[in-house]
Amino acid sequence: MTEVSSNTSHLSVAMTTTGMTHTADKNMVTSSVHNIVDFYFQIAVLIIGVVGTAANALVLYVLVASKQHKKNVLIVHQNAVDLFTSFFMIVTYMYITRLCNIHLTGSVGYWLCIMILNECITWCGTNVSALNLAIITVERYLKVVYSAWSQNKLRNWMIYLAMLLSWSIAVINNLAVVFQTSGVIDGVCYSIALWKNQTDRIFYFTWNFLSFYVIILVIFVFCYWRIVLVIRRQARVMASHAISASNAAQNQYNQIQSNVIKTMIFVSTCYAVSWLPANILYMIITLHPYPIPFDGFYYGFMLLAYSYMCTNPFIYAIKLDPVRKVILHLIPC
């Protein structure tokens, strides 16, 4: 018989490694203080979604206006994914905040539970964001460390295929589990809580932690470490020779590439730092056989993780030269 995961349902808002899901448990007695904290947490996430949507929309416009959508396709895609995720954070939390106590019935209630209340769409975007960061890292690694090979072999269709695969993996990873472990029982939405056994639940959340955090982090560290070594070696070689007109142009190109790489290192570091506490906390909750009262840490760590969505555009605005120049021109003073 299918069991309702106690570790998942002991929080009024239960987090998964792929995101956070809203779970209502009619048998759980929640204090008024906890309800108030829960409500303000939802409002805070809603505010983050609004800021993230506005900031990402502005930066996406600037990237297109500065012609970066032709030069840095993956960075534009990253910004578009963050815009998509931030927008659906607004949609989801506007609905959760207003209608979380509505009795769900019929097919409409089922689909509201599956697609809205458990944030399935939002966390598809979150997974795509992580995968796309890894793709950007690998692309920069190939262009710097294996520049000759990338010029001859790397094609635009490969980049578009990688973006399509990131969406496919994220959607399949979320929907396959959501449909199996979520449902409406007596008007209550159980989100990623109806597991057949404990082993399946632990395997799934361990898989997500490794796939969308640990492996992504390993790619960041390895690739950017090699990139920095190659850039430093190239800088020493350039400094040891007199700068002619030809290698001066090459030096300018290298500086542009270096600026992009520094920006993406900041973005990758932000992702690693923002999601680390939340991932560690949920792995503890998942592996522990009994519910643990981590509510206070949970809310703080998840707000830190969510803030990643509205942090990226500010990094682009500060670190990426084309974006910074266009934004400065938009400021009247």
C-alpha atoms as a PDB file:
ATOM      1  CA  MET A   1       0.000   0.000   0.000  1.00  0.00           C
ATOM      2  CA  THR A   2       1.182   3.503  -0.753  1.00  0.00           C
ATOM      3  CA  GLU A   3       2.459   5.361   2.280  1.00  0.00           C
ATOM      4  CA  VAL A   4       2.387   9.075   3.024  1.00  0.00           C
ATOM      5  CA  SER A   5       5.922  10.181   3.811  1.00  0.00           C
ATOM      6  CA  SER A   6       6.055  11.514   7.368  1.00  0.00           C
ATOM      7  CA  ASN A   7       9.267  13.379   6.702  1.00  0.00           C
ATOM      8  CA  THR A   8       7.642  15.203   3.823  1.00  0.00           C
ATOM      9  CA  SER A   9       4.324  16.030   5.409  1.00  0.00           C
ATOM     10  CA  HIS A  10       5.558  17.224   8.794  1.00  0.00           C
ATOM     11  CA  LEU A  11       6.161  20.650   7.237  1.00  0.00           C
ATOM     12  CA  SER A  12       3.288  22.658   5.849  1.00  0.00           C
ATOM     13  CA  VAL A  13       5.576  23.497   2.970  1.00  0.00           C
ATOM     14  CA  ALA A  14       7.741  20.496   2.120  1.00  0.00           C
ATOM     15  CA  MET A  15      10.939  20.906   0.161  1.00  0.00           C
ATOM     16  CA  THR A  16      12.334  18.467  -2.368  1.00  0.00           C
ATOM     17  CA  THR A  17      15.842  18.466  -3.803  1.00  0.00           C
ATOM     18  CA  THR A  18      14.353  19.608  -7.107  1.00  0.00           C
ATOM     19  CA  GLY A  19      12.476  22.367  -5.379  1.00  0.00           C
ATOM     20  CA  MET A  20       9.847  23.041  -2.794  1.00  0.00           C
ATOM     21  CA  THR A  21       6.375  21.522  -2.733  1.00  0.00           C
ATOM     22  CA  HIS A  22       3.271  22.701  -0.934  1.00  0.00           C
ATOM     23  CA  THR A  23       1.762  19.838   1.080  1.00  0.00           C
ATOM     24  CA  ALA A  24      -1.428  20.069   3.117  1.00  0.00           C
ATOM     25  CA  ASP A  25      -1.946  17.406   5.771  1.00  0.00           C
ATOM     26  CA  LYS A  26      -5.400  17.365   7.346  1.00  0.00           C
ATOM     27  CA  ASN A  27      -4.117  15.278  10.253  1.00  0.00           C
ATOM     28  CA  MET A  28      -1.390  17.758  11.223  1.00  0.00           C
ATOM     29  CA  VAL A  29      -2.160  20.216  13.998  1.00  0.00           C
ATOM     30  CA  THR A  30      -0.381  23.488  13.192  1.00  0.00           C
ATOM     31  CA  SER A  31      -0.031  26.310  15.650  1.00  0.00           C
ATOM     32  CA  SER A  32      -1.165  29.827  14.755  1.00  0.00           C
ATOM     33  CA  VAL A  33       2.431  31.031  15.017  1.00  0.00           C
ATOM     34  CA  HIS A  34       3.513  28.440  12.481  1.00  0.00           C
ATOM     35  CA  ASN A  35       0.687  29.479  10.151  1.00  0.00           C
ATOM     36  CA  ILE A  36       1.790  33.102  10.377  1.00  0.00           C
ATOM     37  CA  VAL A  37       5.420  32.182   9.633  1.00  0.00           C
ATOM     38  CA  ASP A  38       4.241  29.983   6.771  1.00  0.00           C
ATOM     39  CA  PHE A  39       2.194  32.854   5.331  1.00  0.00           C
ATOM     40  CA  TYR A  40       5.035  35.380   5.546  1.00  0.00           C
ATOM     41  CA  PHE A  41       7.390  32.870   3.972  1.00  0.00           C
ATOM     42  CA  GLN A  42       5.011  32.564   1.029  1.00  0.00           C
ATOM     43  CA  ILE A  43       4.780  36.367   0.756  1.00  0.00           C
ATOM     44  CA  ALA A  44       8.594  36.602   0.814  1.00  0.00           C
ATOM     45  CA  VAL A  45       8.866  34.047  -1.999  1.00  0.00           C
ATOM     46  CA  LEU A  46       6.222  35.991  -3.932  1.00  0.00           C
ATOM     47  CA  ILE A  47       8.288  39.185  -3.559  1.00  0.00           C
ATOM     48  CA  ILE A  48      11.417  37.356  -4.721  1.00  0.00           C
ATOM     49  CA  GLY A  49       9.462  36.169  -7.751  1.00  0.00           C
ATOM     50  CA  VAL A  50       8.356  39.719  -8.601  1.00  0.00           C
ATOM     51  CA  VAL A  51      11.887  41.130  -8.242  1.00  0.00           C
ATOM     52  CA  GLY A  52      13.354  38.225 -10.187  1.00  0.00           C
ATOM     53  CA  THR A  53      10.846  38.600 -13.020  1.00  0.00           C
ATOM     54  CA  ALA A  54      11.407  42.345 -13.359  1.00  0.00           C
ATOM     55  CA  ALA A  55      15.204  42.133 -13.130  1.00  0.00           C
ATOM     56  CA  ASN A  56      15.526  39.158 -15.483  1.00  0.00           C
ATOM     57  CA  ALA A  57      13.162  40.770 -18.006  1.00  0.00           C
ATOM     58  CA  LEU A  58      15.276  43.941 -17.998  1.00  0.00           C
ATOM     59  CA  VAL A  59      18.556  42.062 -18.423  1.00  0.00           C
ATOM     60  CA  LEU A  60      17.066  39.872 -21.159  1.00  0.00           C
ATOM     61  CA  TYR A  61      16.024  43.008 -23.030  1.00  0.00           C
ATOM     62  CA  VAL A  62      19.506  44.473 -22.584  1.00  0.00           C
ATOM     63  CA  LEU A  63      21.172  41.264 -23.803  1.00  0.00           C
ATOM     64  CA  VAL A  64      19.081  41.348 -26.971  1.00  0.00           C
ATOM     65  CA  ALA A  65      19.588  45.101 -27.442  1.00  0.00           C
ATOM     66  CA  SER A  66      23.364  44.686 -27.136  1.00  0.00           C
ATOM     67  CA  LYS A  67      23.346  41.820 -29.691  1.00  0.00           C
ATOM     68  CA  GLN A  68      24.533  39.330 -27.081  1.00  0.00           C
ATOM     69  CA  HIS A  69      21.805  36.888 -28.126  1.00  0.00           C
ATOM     70  CA  LYS A  70      23.986  36.105 -31.160  1.00  0.00           C
ATOM     71  CA  LYS A  71      27.330  35.977 -29.356  1.00  0.00           C
ATOM     72  CA  ASN A  72      26.366  34.325 -26.057  1.00  0.00           C
ATOM     73  CA  VAL A  73      23.331  32.174 -26.783  1.00  0.00           C
ATOM     74  CA  LEU A  74      23.654  30.082 -23.628  1.00  0.00           C
ATOM     75  CA  ILE A  75      23.878  33.116 -21.343  1.00  0.00           C
ATOM     76  CA  VAL A  76      20.736  34.556 -22.923  1.00  0.00           C
ATOM     77  CA  HIS A  77      19.066  31.168 -22.469  1.00  0.00           C
ATOM     78  CA  GLN A  78      20.143  31.148 -18.814  1.00  0.00           C
ATOM     79  CA  ASN A  79      18.547  34.531 -18.273  1.00  0.00           C
ATOM     80  CA  ALA A  80      15.371  33.443 -20.094  1.00  0.00           C
ATOM     81  CA  VAL A  81      15.133  30.329 -17.903  1.00  0.00           C
ATOM     82  CA  ASP A  82      15.492  32.427 -14.741  1.00  0.00           C
ATOM     83  CA  LEU A  83      12.771  34.756 -16.066  1.00  0.00           C
ATOM     84  CA  PHE A  84      10.513  31.758 -16.733  1.00  0.00           C
ATOM     85  CA  THR A  85      11.110  30.360 -13.247  1.00  0.00           C
ATOM     86  CA  SER A  86      10.595  33.706 -11.504  1.00  0.00           C
ATOM     87  CA  PHE A  87       7.339  34.310 -13.364  1.00  0.00           C
ATOM     88  CA  PHE A  88       5.912  30.928 -12.397  1.00  0.00           C
ATOM     89  CA  MET A  89       6.996  31.519  -8.807  1.00  0.00           C
ATOM     90  CA  ILE A  90       4.593  34.483  -8.879  1.00  0.00           C
ATOM     91  CA  VAL A  91       1.802  32.417 -10.452  1.00  0.00           C
ATOM     92  CA  THR A  92       2.287  29.540  -8.025  1.00  0.00           C
ATOM     93  CA  TYR A  93       2.522  31.571  -4.829  1.00  0.00           C
ATOM     94  CA  MET A  94      -0.318  33.896  -5.722  1.00  0.00           C
ATOM     95  CA  TYR A  95      -2.439  30.780  -6.008  1.00  0.00           C
ATOM     96  CA  ILE A  96      -1.008  29.063  -2.910  1.00  0.00           C
ATOM     97  CA  THR A  97      -1.337  32.152  -0.732  1.00  0.00           C
ATOM     98  CA  ARG A  98      -4.973  32.741  -1.654  1.00  0.00           C
ATOM     99  CA  LEU A  99      -6.335  29.238  -2.234  1.00  0.00           C
ATOM    100  CA  CYS A 100      -4.232  26.828  -0.173  1.00  0.00           C
ATOM    101  CA  ASN A 101      -7.235  25.955   2.032  1.00  0.00           C
ATOM    102  CA  ILE A 102      -9.675  25.354  -0.852  1.00  0.00           C
ATOM    103  CA  HIS A 103     -11.134  21.853  -0.960  1.00  0.00           C
ATOM    104  CA  LEU A 104      -9.831  20.289  -4.189  1.00  0.00           C
ATOM    105  CA  THR A 105     -12.259  18.156  -6.163  1.00  0.00           C
ATOM    106  CA  GLY A 106     -12.461  16.528  -9.561  1.00  0.00           C
ATOM    107  CA  SER A 107     -10.005  16.758 -12.423  1.00  0.00           C
ATOM    108  CA  VAL A 108      -9.536  20.508 -11.902  1.00  0.00           C
ATOM    109  CA  GLY A 109      -8.458  19.956  -8.308  1.00  0.00           C
ATOM    110  CA  TYR A 110      -6.127  17.153  -9.390  1.00  0.00           C
ATOM    111  CA  TRP A 111      -4.341  19.260 -12.010  1.00  0.00           C
ATOM    112  CA  LEU A 112      -4.120  22.241  -9.668  1.00  0.00           C
ATOM    113  CA  CYS A 113      -2.402  19.957  -7.172  1.00  0.00           C
ATOM    114  CA  ILE A 114      -0.063  18.417  -9.751  1.00  0.00           C
ATOM    115  CA  MET A 115       0.968  21.519 -11.696  1.00  0.00           C
ATOM    116  CA  ILE A 116       0.458  24.469  -9.324  1.00  0.00           C
ATOM    117  CA  LEU A 117       0.404  23.545  -5.636  1.00  0.00           C
ATOM    118  CA  ASN A 118       3.505  21.356  -5.870  1.00  0.00           C
ATOM    119  CA  GLU A 119       5.385  23.908  -8.030  1.00  0.00           C
ATOM    120  CA  CYS A 120       6.097  21.390 -10.760  1.00  0.00           C
ATOM    121  CA  ILE A 121       6.506  24.034 -13.483  1.00  0.00           C
ATOM    122  CA  THR A 122       8.689  26.234 -11.305  1.00  0.00           C
ATOM    123  CA  TRP A 123      11.081  23.440 -10.440  1.00  0.00           C
ATOM    124  CA  CYS A 124      11.346  22.264 -13.992  1.00  0.00           C
ATOM    125  CA  GLY A 125      12.789  25.735 -14.595  1.00  0.00           C
ATOM    126  CA  THR A 126      15.093  25.379 -11.600  1.00  0.00           C
ATOM    127  CA  ASN A 127      16.501  22.114 -12.942  1.00  0.00           C
ATOM    128  CA  VAL A 128      16.965  23.604 -16.416  1.00  0.00           C
ATOM    129  CA  SER A 129      18.836  26.535 -14.841  1.00  0.00           C
ATOM    130  CA  ALA A 130      21.282  24.189 -13.117  1.00  0.00           C
ATOM    131  CA  LEU A 131      21.832  22.087 -16.243  1.00  0.00           C
ATOM    132  CA  ASN A 132      22.285  25.160 -18.431  1.00  0.00           C
ATOM    133  CA  LEU A 133      24.927  26.521 -16.051  1.00  0.00           C
ATOM    134  CA  ALA A 134      26.818  23.258 -16.477  1.00  0.00           C
ATOM    135  CA  ILE A 135      26.473  23.515 -20.278  1.00  0.00           C
ATOM    136  CA  ILE A 136      27.827  27.096 -20.230  1.00  0.00           C
ATOM    137  CA  THR A 137      30.746  25.932 -18.112  1.00  0.00           C
ATOM    138  CA  VAL A 138      31.611  23.101 -20.490  1.00  0.00           C
ATOM    139  CA  GLU A 139      31.284  25.395 -23.511  1.00  0.00           C
ATOM    140  CA  ARG A 140      33.677  27.955 -21.994  1.00  0.00           C
ATOM    141  CA  TYR A 141      36.026  25.132 -21.035  1.00  0.00           C
ATOM    142  CA  LEU A 142      36.160  23.868 -24.628  1.00  0.00           C
ATOM    143  CA  LYS A 143      36.624  27.366 -26.078  1.00  0.00           C
ATOM    144  CA  VAL A 144      39.525  28.190 -23.776  1.00  0.00           C
ATOM    145  CA  VAL A 145      41.280  24.895 -23.087  1.00  0.00           C
ATOM    146  CA  TYR A 146      40.626  23.315 -26.503  1.00  0.00           C
ATOM    147  CA  SER A 147      40.239  26.460 -28.595  1.00  0.00           C
ATOM    148  CA  ALA A 148      41.395  24.894 -31.892  1.00  0.00           C
ATOM    149  CA  TRP A 149      39.033  21.950 -31.527  1.00  0.00           C
ATOM    150  CA  SER A 150      36.062  24.156 -30.593  1.00  0.00           C
ATOM    151  CA  GLN A 151      36.625  26.445 -33.584  1.00  0.00           C
ATOM    152  CA  ASN A 152      36.629  23.487 -35.964  1.00  0.00           C
ATOM    153  CA  LYS A 153      34.115  21.148 -34.344  1.00  0.00           C
ATOM    154  CA  LEU A 154      31.764  23.120 -32.088  1.00  0.00           C
ATOM    155  CA  ARG A 155      28.627  24.107 -33.985  1.00  0.00           C
ATOM    156  CA  ASN A 156      25.516  26.087 -33.109  1.00  0.00           C
ATOM    157  CA  TRP A 157      23.267  23.054 -33.555  1.00  0.00           C
ATOM    158  CA  MET A 158      25.200  21.335 -30.739  1.00  0.00           C
ATOM    159  CA  ILE A 159      24.443  24.225 -28.394  1.00  0.00           C
ATOM    160  CA  TYR A 160      20.738  24.255 -29.311  1.00  0.00           C
ATOM    161  CA  LEU A 161      20.590  20.484 -28.871  1.00  0.00           C
ATOM    162  CA  ALA A 162      22.171  20.810 -25.421  1.00  0.00           C
ATOM    163  CA  MET A 163      19.547  23.409 -24.436  1.00  0.00           C
ATOM    164  CA  LEU A 164      16.751  21.133 -25.684  1.00  0.00           C
ATOM    165  CA  LEU A 165      18.191  18.196 -23.719  1.00  0.00           C
ATOM    166  CA  SER A 166      18.327  20.292 -20.531  1.00  0.00           C
ATOM    167  CA  TRP A 167      14.592  20.991 -20.834  1.00  0.00           C
ATOM    168  CA  SER A 168      13.797  17.374 -21.667  1.00  0.00           C
ATOM    169  CA  ILE A 169      15.745  16.011 -18.694  1.00  0.00           C
ATOM    170  CA  ALA A 170      14.205  18.516 -16.271  1.00  0.00           C
ATOM    171  CA  VAL A 171      10.626  17.917 -17.421  1.00  0.00           C
ATOM    172  CA  ILE A 172      10.947  14.122 -17.390  1.00  0.00           C
ATOM    173  CA  ASN A 173      12.705  14.143 -14.010  1.00  0.00           C
ATOM    174  CA  ASN A 174       9.895  16.137 -12.392  1.00  0.00           C
ATOM    175  CA  LEU A 175       6.781  14.874 -14.122  1.00  0.00           C
ATOM    176  CA  ALA A 176       7.682  11.185 -13.911  1.00  0.00           C
ATOM    177  CA  VAL A 177       7.836  11.364 -10.114  1.00  0.00           C
ATOM    178  CA  VAL A 178       5.083  13.938  -9.563  1.00  0.00           C
ATOM    179  CA  PHE A 179       2.457  11.831 -11.311  1.00  0.00           C
ATOM    180  CA  GLN A 180       3.495   8.738  -9.360  1.00  0.00           C
ATOM    181  CA  THR A 181       3.730  10.264  -5.889  1.00  0.00           C
ATOM    182  CA  SER A 182       1.206  13.119  -5.845  1.00  0.00           C
ATOM    183  CA  GLY A 183      -2.551  13.184  -5.676  1.00  0.00           C
ATOM    184  CA  VAL A 184      -5.690  14.567  -4.070  1.00  0.00           C
ATOM    185  CA  ILE A 185      -7.169  12.626  -1.138  1.00  0.00           C
ATOM    186  CA  ASP A 186     -10.350  13.924   0.497  1.00  0.00           C
ATOM    187  CA  GLY A 187      -9.786  17.361  -1.010  1.00  0.00           C
ATOM    188  CA  VAL A 188      -6.185  17.582   0.233  1.00  0.00           C
ATOM    189  CA  CYS A 189      -3.173  17.877  -2.096  1.00  0.00           C
ATOM    190  CA  TYR A 190      -0.406  15.402  -1.240  1.00  0.00           C
ATOM    191  CA  SER A 191       2.640  16.518  -3.190  1.00  0.00           C
ATOM    192  CA  ILE A 192       5.492  14.061  -3.754  1.00  0.00           C
ATOM    193  CA  ALA A 193       4.339  12.301  -0.577  1.00  0.00           C
ATOM    194  CA  LEU A 194       2.584   9.097  -1.743  1.00  0.00           C
ATOM    195  CA  TRP A 195       5.598   6.801  -1.970  1.00  0.00           C
ATOM    196  CA  LYS A 196       5.262   3.028  -2.295  1.00  0.00           C
ATOM    197  CA  ASN A 197       8.141   2.544   0.123  1.00  0.00           C
ATOM    198  CA  GLN A 198      10.887   4.443   1.932  1.00  0.00           C
ATOM    199  CA  THR A 199      13.634   3.069  -0.314  1.00  0.00           C
ATOM    200  CA  ASP A 200      12.164   4.662  -3.442  1.00  0.00           C
ATOM    201  CA  ARG A 201      11.865   8.013  -1.690  1.00  0.00           C
ATOM    202  CA  ILE A 202      15.476   7.989  -0.474  1.00  0.00           C
ATOM    203  CA  PHE A 203      16.752   6.870  -3.889  1.00  0.00           C
ATOM    204  CA  TYR A 204      14.888   9.641  -5.701  1.00  0.00           C
ATOM    205  CA  PHE A 205      16.027  12.478  -3.451  1.00  0.00           C
ATOM    206  CA  THR A 206      19.591  11.168  -3.370  1.00  0.00           C
ATOM    207  CA  TRP A 207      19.569  10.999  -7.167  1.00  0.00           C
ATOM    208  CA  ASN A 208      18.397  14.610  -7.401  1.00  0.00           C
ATOM    209  CA  PHE A 209      20.954  15.839  -4.883  1.00  0.00           C
ATOM    210  CA  LEU A 210      23.778  14.181  -6.810  1.00  0.00           C
ATOM    211  CA  SER A 211      22.506  15.068 -10.292  1.00  0.00           C
ATOM    212  CA  PHE A 212      21.456  18.686  -9.819  1.00  0.00           C
ATOM    213  CA  TYR A 213      23.961  19.812  -7.207  1.00  0.00           C
ATOM    214  CA  VAL A 214      27.002  17.607  -6.580  1.00  0.00           C
ATOM    215  CA  ILE A 215      27.788  16.744 -10.216  1.00  0.00           C
ATOM    216  CA  ILE A 216      27.043  20.317 -11.317  1.00  0.00           C
ATOM    217  CA  LEU A 217      29.405  21.596  -8.625  1.00  0.00           C
ATOM    218  CA  VAL A 218      32.165  19.183  -9.732  1.00  0.00           C
ATOM    219  CA  ILE A 219      31.808  20.477 -13.304  1.00  0.00           C
ATOM    220  CA  PHE A 220      32.111  24.073 -12.053  1.00  0.00           C
ATOM    221  CA  VAL A 221      35.246  23.418 -10.018  1.00  0.00           C
ATOM    222  CA  PHE A 222      37.074  21.305 -12.605  1.00  0.00           C
ATOM    223  CA  CYS A 223      36.304  23.387 -15.693  1.00  0.00           C
ATOM    224  CA  TYR A 224      36.840  26.843 -14.210  1.00  0.00           C
ATOM    225  CA  TRP A 225      40.027  25.698 -12.479  1.00  0.00           C
ATOM    226  CA  ARG A 226      41.428  24.569 -15.843  1.00  0.00           C
ATOM    227  CA  ILE A 227      40.166  27.741 -17.536  1.00  0.00           C
ATOM    228  CA  VAL A 228      41.886  30.005 -15.011  1.00  0.00           C
ATOM    229  CA  LEU A 229      45.171  28.112 -15.436  1.00  0.00           C
ATOM    230  CA  VAL A 230      45.057  28.476 -19.229  1.00  0.00           C
ATOM    231  CA  ILE A 231      44.157  32.181 -19.079  1.00  0.00           C
ATOM    232  CA  ARG A 232      47.046  32.874 -16.699  1.00  0.00           C
ATOM    233  CA  ARG A 233      49.447  31.008 -18.979  1.00  0.00           C
ATOM    234  CA  GLN A 234      48.225  32.963 -22.004  1.00  0.00           C
ATOM    235  CA  ALA A 235      48.606  36.237 -20.090  1.00  0.00           C
ATOM    236  CA  ARG A 236      52.234  35.418 -19.268  1.00  0.00           C
ATOM    237  CA  VAL A 237      52.948  34.591 -22.911  1.00  0.00           C
ATOM    238  CA  MET A 238      51.356  37.833 -24.111  1.00  0.00           C
ATOM    239  CA  ALA A 239      53.292  39.852 -21.560  1.00  0.00           C
ATOM    240  CA  SER A 240      56.611  38.354 -22.681  1.00  0.00           C
ATOM    241  CA  HIS A 241      56.158  39.583 -26.265  1.00  0.00           C
ATOM    242  CA  ALA A 242      55.892  43.044 -27.722  1.00  0.00           C
ATOM    243  CA  ILE A 243      52.248  43.791 -28.512  1.00  0.00           C
ATOM    244  CA  SER A 244      51.763  44.207 -32.262  1.00  0.00           C
ATOM    245  CA  ALA A 245      48.546  45.235 -34.006  1.00  0.00           C
ATOM    246  CA  SER A 246      47.511  41.625 -34.597  1.00  0.00           C
ATOM    247  CA  ASN A 247      48.100  40.293 -31.105  1.00  0.00           C
ATOM    248  CA  ALA A 248      46.621  43.479 -29.655  1.00  0.00           C
ATOM    249  CA  ALA A 249      43.321  42.510 -31.296  1.00  0.00           C
ATOM    250  CA  GLN A 250      43.748  39.003 -29.961  1.00  0.00           C
ATOM    251  CA  ASN A 251      44.419  40.432 -26.505  1.00  0.00           C
ATOM    252  CA  GLN A 252      41.191  42.455 -26.687  1.00  0.00           C
ATOM    253  CA  TYR A 253      39.271  39.311 -27.654  1.00  0.00           C
ATOM    254  CA  ASN A 254      40.841  37.450 -24.742  1.00  0.00           C
ATOM    255  CA  GLN A 255      39.817  40.232 -22.368  1.00  0.00           C
ATOM    256  CA  ILE A 256      36.204  39.967 -23.569  1.00  0.00           C
ATOM    257  CA  GLN A 257      36.267  36.196 -23.057  1.00  0.00           C
ATOM    258  CA  SER A 258      37.838  36.671 -19.635  1.00  0.00           C
ATOM    259  CA  ASN A 259      35.078  39.095 -18.649  1.00  0.00           C
ATOM    260  CA  VAL A 260      32.395  36.575 -19.642  1.00  0.00           C
ATOM    261  CA  ILE A 261      34.180  33.797 -17.778  1.00  0.00           C
ATOM    262  CA  LYS A 262      34.486  35.896 -14.611  1.00  0.00           C
ATOM    263  CA  THR A 263      30.770  36.690 -14.811  1.00  0.00           C
ATOM    264  CA  MET A 264      29.821  33.025 -15.128  1.00  0.00           C
ATOM    265  CA  ILE A 265      32.139  32.091 -12.251  1.00  0.00           C
ATOM    266  CA  PHE A 266      30.221  34.558 -10.084  1.00  0.00           C
ATOM    267  CA  VAL A 267      26.885  33.108 -11.257  1.00  0.00           C
ATOM    268  CA  SER A 268      28.043  29.524 -10.635  1.00  0.00           C
ATOM    269  CA  THR A 269      29.390  30.397  -7.193  1.00  0.00           C
ATOM    270  CA  CYS A 270      26.089  32.079  -6.365  1.00  0.00           C
ATOM    271  CA  TYR A 271      24.223  28.909  -7.336  1.00  0.00           C
ATOM    272  CA  ALA A 272      26.532  26.703  -5.260  1.00  0.00           C
ATOM    273  CA  VAL A 273      26.293  28.904  -2.153  1.00  0.00           C
ATOM    274  CA  SER A 274      22.549  29.568  -2.408  1.00  0.00           C
ATOM    275  CA  TRP A 275      21.505  25.938  -2.700  1.00  0.00           C
ATOM    276  CA  LEU A 276      24.062  24.285  -0.403  1.00  0.00           C
ATOM    277  CA  PRO A 277      22.257  24.813   2.966  1.00  0.00           C
ATOM    278  CA  ALA A 278      18.851  23.804   1.579  1.00  0.00           C
ATOM    279  CA  ASN A 279      20.233  20.650  -0.044  1.00  0.00           C
ATOM    280  CA  ILE A 280      22.084  19.567   3.091  1.00  0.00           C
ATOM    281  CA  LEU A 281      19.029  20.201   5.260  1.00  0.00           C
ATOM    282  CA  TYR A 282      16.720  18.228   3.072  1.00  0.00           C
ATOM    283  CA  MET A 283      19.126  15.301   2.798  1.00  0.00           C
ATOM    284  CA  ILE A 284      19.121  15.177   6.610  1.00  0.00           C
ATOM    285  CA  ILE A 285      15.313  15.232   6.635  1.00  0.00           C
ATOM    286  CA  THR A 286      15.145  12.560   3.930  1.00  0.00           C
ATOM    287  CA  LEU A 287      17.580  10.149   5.563  1.00  0.00           C
ATOM    288  CA  HIS A 288      16.291  10.608   9.112  1.00  0.00           C
ATOM    289  CA  PRO A 289      13.627   7.994   9.969  1.00  0.00           C
ATOM    290  CA  TYR A 290      11.550  10.384  12.115  1.00  0.00           C
ATOM    291  CA  PRO A 291      10.294  13.960  11.577  1.00  0.00           C
ATOM    292  CA  ILE A 292      12.734  16.621  12.729  1.00  0.00           C
ATOM    293  CA  PRO A 293      11.544  20.160  13.680  1.00  0.00           C
ATOM    294  CA  PHE A 294      13.790  22.090  11.272  1.00  0.00           C
ATOM    295  CA  ASP A 295      11.129  24.651  10.365  1.00  0.00           C
ATOM    296  CA  GLY A 296      13.178  27.726  11.280  1.00  0.00           C
ATOM    297  CA  PHE A 297      16.258  26.613   9.357  1.00  0.00           C
ATOM    298  CA  TYR A 298      14.073  25.426   6.497  1.00  0.00           C
ATOM    299  CA  TYR A 299      12.434  28.795   5.886  1.00  0.00           C
ATOM    300  CA  GLY A 300      15.733  30.658   6.030  1.00  0.00           C
ATOM    301  CA  PHE A 301      17.598  28.217   3.793  1.00  0.00           C
ATOM    302  CA  MET A 302      14.820  28.093   1.210  1.00  0.00           C
ATOM    303  CA  LEU A 303      14.613  31.889   1.026  1.00  0.00           C
ATOM    304  CA  LEU A 304      18.385  31.893   0.401  1.00  0.00           C
ATOM    305  CA  ALA A 305      17.914  29.313  -2.372  1.00  0.00           C
ATOM    306  CA  TYR A 306      15.034  31.219  -3.945  1.00  0.00           C
ATOM    307  CA  SER A 307      17.016  34.461  -3.888  1.00  0.00           C
ATOM    308  CA  TYR A 308      19.292  32.932  -6.545  1.00  0.00           C
ATOM    309  CA  MET A 309      16.613  33.670  -9.146  1.00  0.00           C
ATOM    310  CA  CYS A 310      16.874  37.431  -8.651  1.00  0.00           C
ATOM    311  CA  THR A 311      20.638  37.530  -7.979  1.00  0.00           C
ATOM    312  CA  ASN A 312      21.819  36.589 -11.476  1.00  0.00           C
ATOM    313  CA  PRO A 313      20.564  39.696 -13.309  1.00  0.00           C
ATOM    314  CA  PHE A 314      22.393  41.952 -10.850  1.00  0.00           C
ATOM    315  CA  ILE A 315      25.599  39.977 -11.464  1.00  0.00           C
ATOM    316  CA  TYR A 316      25.140  40.405 -15.221  1.00  0.00           C
ATOM    317  CA  ALA A 317      24.497  44.127 -14.765  1.00  0.00           C
ATOM    318  CA  ILE A 318      27.661  44.604 -12.706  1.00  0.00           C
ATOM    319  CA  LYS A 319      30.123  42.193 -14.315  1.00  0.00           C
ATOM    320  CA  LEU A 320      29.104  41.831 -17.989  1.00  0.00           C
ATOM    321  CA  ASP A 321      30.366  44.870 -19.936  1.00  0.00           C
ATOM    322  CA  PRO A 322      27.725  44.990 -22.727  1.00  0.00           C
ATOM    323  CA  VAL A 323      24.895  44.717 -20.211  1.00  0.00           C
ATOM    324  CA  ARG A 324      26.393  47.351 -17.921  1.00  0.00           C
ATOM    325  CA  LYS A 325      26.887  49.826 -20.774  1.00  0.00           C
ATOM    326  CA  VAL A 326      23.300  49.547 -22.062  1.00  0.00           C
ATOM    327  CA  ILE A 327      21.834  49.815 -18.547  1.00  0.00           C
ATOM    328  CA  LEU A 328      23.904  52.951 -17.880  1.00  0.00           C
ATOM    329  CA  HIS A 329      22.524  54.486 -21.072  1.00  0.00           C
ATOM    330  CA  LEU A 330      18.991  53.714 -19.878  1.00  0.00           C
ATOM    331  CA  ILE A 331      19.530  55.724 -16.668  1.00  0.00           C
ATOM    332  CA  PRO A 332      18.420  59.353 -17.349  1.00  0.00           C
ATOM    333  CA  CYS A 333      20.967  60.987 -15.058  1.00  0.00           C
END
